Amino acid sequence: MITAENVKDLFDYRDGKLFWTDNVYHKSRTGTEAGHLNTDGYIRVNYKGKNSQLHRVVWLWHTGEWPQGDCDHINGNRQDNHIENLRDVSRQENIKNQRRELVGIHHRKNGDWEATYCGAYLGRHKTKELALAARHQAELADPQHLRTAQNG
């Protein structure tokens, strides 16, 4: 099990990623990037048969304690595990952030992301980030949105 006591013995942190140290139970892993991409979009790391979400381990590595609530990716990118992109928030706050970000964005069964704005279809996109960008562009081009934003 990964703990506050052993996390820095198990991993080195560099540029938002964790790397196995030479103190781990598999010497052949020394220096290799820890973790694997799971189907839910999160990177997970397995240590002694227990899977942990990598962003939570990064939080532990930096703070010395597990997050009290959800460990939220501020930019919404589940694979961006830079400590500056992580925050400890309540489940309620995390859900609120997810809903706000994904208004007008829909994940399709084929893996594409569909974007809409005020009923207008903005197309299918290969990534969530591209769909969000299309929606953002539509918002900026809408004079009504600009007036609302300026008036608070």
Protein backbone atom coordinates (compact mmCIF):
# COMPACT_ATOMS: atom_id res chain seq x y z
CA MET A 1 0.00 0.00 0.00
CA ILE A 2 1.24 3.49 -0.82
CA THR A 3 1.50 5.63 2.29
CA ALA A 4 2.84 9.03 3.33
CA GLU A 5 5.78 7.16 4.85
CA ASN A 6 6.83 5.31 1.68
CA VAL A 7 5.62 7.47 -1.24
CA LYS A 8 8.93 9.32 -1.72
CA ASP A 9 10.87 6.05 -1.43
CA LEU A 10 8.73 4.54 -4.20
CA PHE A 11 8.57 7.45 -6.64
CA ASP A 12 10.40 10.47 -7.98
CA TYR A 13 8.21 13.33 -9.24
CA ARG A 14 9.14 15.21 -12.42
CA ASP A 15 6.98 17.44 -14.58
CA GLY A 16 3.60 16.08 -13.48
CA LYS A 17 4.70 12.44 -13.63
CA LEU A 18 5.88 9.83 -11.17
CA PHE A 19 8.83 7.55 -11.87
CA TRP A 20 9.73 4.35 -10.01
CA THR A 21 12.82 4.63 -7.81
CA ASP A 22 15.37 1.90 -7.26
CA ASN A 23 13.79 1.13 -3.88
CA VAL A 24 10.79 -0.69 -5.37
CA TYR A 25 10.10 -4.40 -5.37
CA HIS A 26 10.76 -4.68 -9.14
CA LYS A 27 14.29 -3.45 -9.86
CA SER A 28 13.59 -3.59 -13.61
CA ARG A 29 11.12 -0.70 -13.22
CA THR A 30 13.73 1.72 -11.86
CA GLY A 31 13.49 5.05 -13.70
CA THR A 32 10.42 4.12 -15.74
CA GLU A 33 7.25 6.17 -15.66
CA ALA A 34 4.73 4.83 -13.15
CA GLY A 35 1.13 4.17 -14.09
CA HIS A 36 -1.12 3.11 -16.92
CA LEU A 37 -4.03 4.86 -18.61
CA ASN A 38 -7.34 3.38 -17.50
CA THR A 39 -10.53 3.34 -19.59
CA ASP A 40 -11.99 6.14 -17.42
CA GLY A 41 -9.25 8.53 -18.58
CA TYR A 42 -7.34 8.51 -15.29
CA ILE A 43 -3.80 7.23 -14.91
CA ARG A 44 -3.55 4.52 -12.26
CA VAL A 45 -0.52 3.08 -10.54
CA ASN A 46 -0.37 -0.45 -9.13
CA TYR A 47 1.75 -1.21 -6.09
CA LYS A 48 1.61 -4.63 -4.42
CA GLY A 49 -1.73 -5.43 -6.05
CA LYS A 50 -3.48 -2.18 -5.07
CA ASN A 51 -4.45 0.36 -7.74
CA SER A 52 -4.38 4.06 -6.90
CA GLN A 53 -5.21 7.05 -9.06
CA LEU A 54 -1.93 8.71 -9.95
CA HIS A 55 -3.17 12.26 -9.30
CA ARG A 56 -4.03 11.29 -5.72
CA VAL A 57 -0.54 9.81 -5.28
CA VAL A 58 0.98 13.03 -6.67
CA TRP A 59 -1.04 14.95 -4.06
CA LEU A 60 0.24 12.61 -1.33
CA TRP A 61 3.83 12.95 -2.60
CA HIS A 62 3.66 16.76 -2.33
CA THR A 63 1.54 17.28 0.78
CA GLY A 64 2.27 14.18 2.87
CA GLU A 65 -1.42 13.32 3.18
CA TRP A 66 -4.17 11.88 1.02
CA PRO A 67 -6.76 14.38 -0.23
CA GLN A 68 -9.63 14.78 2.25
CA GLY A 69 -12.16 15.03 -0.59
CA ASP A 70 -11.89 14.66 -4.35
CA CYS A 71 -8.57 15.46 -5.98
CA ASP A 72 -9.78 17.71 -8.80
CA HIS A 73 -7.94 18.46 -12.04
CA ILE A 74 -8.40 22.24 -12.33
CA ASN A 75 -8.11 22.27 -16.13
CA GLY A 76 -10.35 19.19 -16.52
CA ASN A 77 -7.58 17.12 -18.14
CA ARG A 78 -7.41 13.85 -16.20
CA GLN A 79 -3.91 13.16 -17.49
CA ASP A 80 -2.41 16.51 -16.41
CA ASN A 81 -1.06 15.60 -12.98
CA HIS A 82 1.11 18.65 -12.32
CA ILE A 83 0.65 19.57 -8.66
CA GLU A 84 -0.36 23.09 -9.75
CA ASN A 85 -3.31 21.56 -11.62
CA LEU A 86 -4.62 19.61 -8.61
CA ARG A 87 -6.78 20.75 -5.72
CA ASP A 88 -8.54 19.04 -2.84
CA VAL A 89 -12.28 19.80 -3.09
CA SER A 90 -15.53 18.38 -1.80
CA ARG A 91 -17.44 15.93 -4.00
CA GLN A 92 -20.19 18.54 -4.37
CA GLU A 93 -17.73 21.18 -5.64
CA ASN A 94 -16.11 18.70 -8.04
CA ILE A 95 -19.48 17.70 -9.52
CA LYS A 96 -20.45 21.37 -9.90
CA ASN A 97 -17.20 22.06 -11.79
CA GLN A 98 -17.75 19.07 -14.09
CA ARG A 99 -21.27 20.15 -14.96
CA ARG A 100 -20.26 23.74 -15.70
CA GLU A 101 -17.40 22.67 -17.95
CA LEU A 102 -19.43 20.17 -19.97
CA VAL A 103 -22.53 22.23 -20.80
CA GLY A 104 -23.10 21.69 -24.51
CA ILE A 105 -20.51 18.92 -24.75
CA HIS A 106 -21.55 15.30 -25.23
CA HIS A 107 -19.38 12.18 -25.40
CA ARG A 108 -20.52 9.84 -28.18
CA LYS A 109 -20.33 6.04 -28.13
CA ASN A 110 -17.73 6.05 -30.92
CA GLY A 111 -15.39 8.14 -28.73
CA ASP A 112 -15.98 11.49 -30.45
CA TRP A 113 -17.10 14.61 -28.60
CA GLU A 114 -20.06 16.61 -29.92
CA ALA A 115 -20.39 20.33 -29.27
CA THR A 116 -23.52 22.51 -29.36
CA TYR A 117 -24.30 26.09 -28.40
CA CYS A 118 -27.81 27.53 -28.01
CA GLY A 119 -29.20 24.66 -30.08
CA ALA A 120 -26.65 25.09 -32.88
CA TYR A 121 -24.66 22.00 -33.80
CA LEU A 122 -20.91 22.73 -33.73
CA GLY A 123 -19.71 19.36 -34.98
CA ARG A 124 -17.97 16.25 -33.72
CA HIS A 125 -14.44 16.43 -32.41
CA LYS A 126 -11.80 13.82 -31.58
CA THR A 127 -11.12 15.21 -28.09
CA LYS A 128 -13.08 16.88 -25.33
CA GLU A 129 -10.65 19.81 -25.46
CA LEU A 130 -11.41 20.43 -29.16
CA ALA A 131 -15.16 20.29 -28.51
CA LEU A 132 -14.78 22.73 -25.60
CA ALA A 133 -12.74 25.05 -27.82
CA ALA A 134 -15.47 24.99 -30.50
CA ARG A 135 -18.10 25.84 -27.90
CA HIS A 136 -15.94 28.61 -26.47
CA GLN A 137 -15.47 30.12 -29.95
CA ALA A 138 -19.23 30.06 -30.48
CA GLU A 139 -19.78 31.81 -27.14
CA LEU A 140 -17.27 34.53 -28.05
CA ALA A 141 -18.94 35.06 -31.43
CA ASP A 142 -22.39 35.48 -29.84
CA PRO A 143 -23.16 39.18 -29.18
CA GLN A 144 -25.77 38.21 -26.55
CA HIS A 145 -23.16 36.22 -24.61
CA LEU A 146 -20.76 39.18 -24.73
CA ARG A 147 -23.41 41.59 -23.40
CA THR A 148 -24.29 39.18 -20.58
CA ALA A 149 -20.64 38.69 -19.64
CA GLN A 150 -19.97 42.44 -19.62
CA ASN A 151 -23.02 43.17 -17.46
CA GLY A 152 -22.09 40.50 -14.95
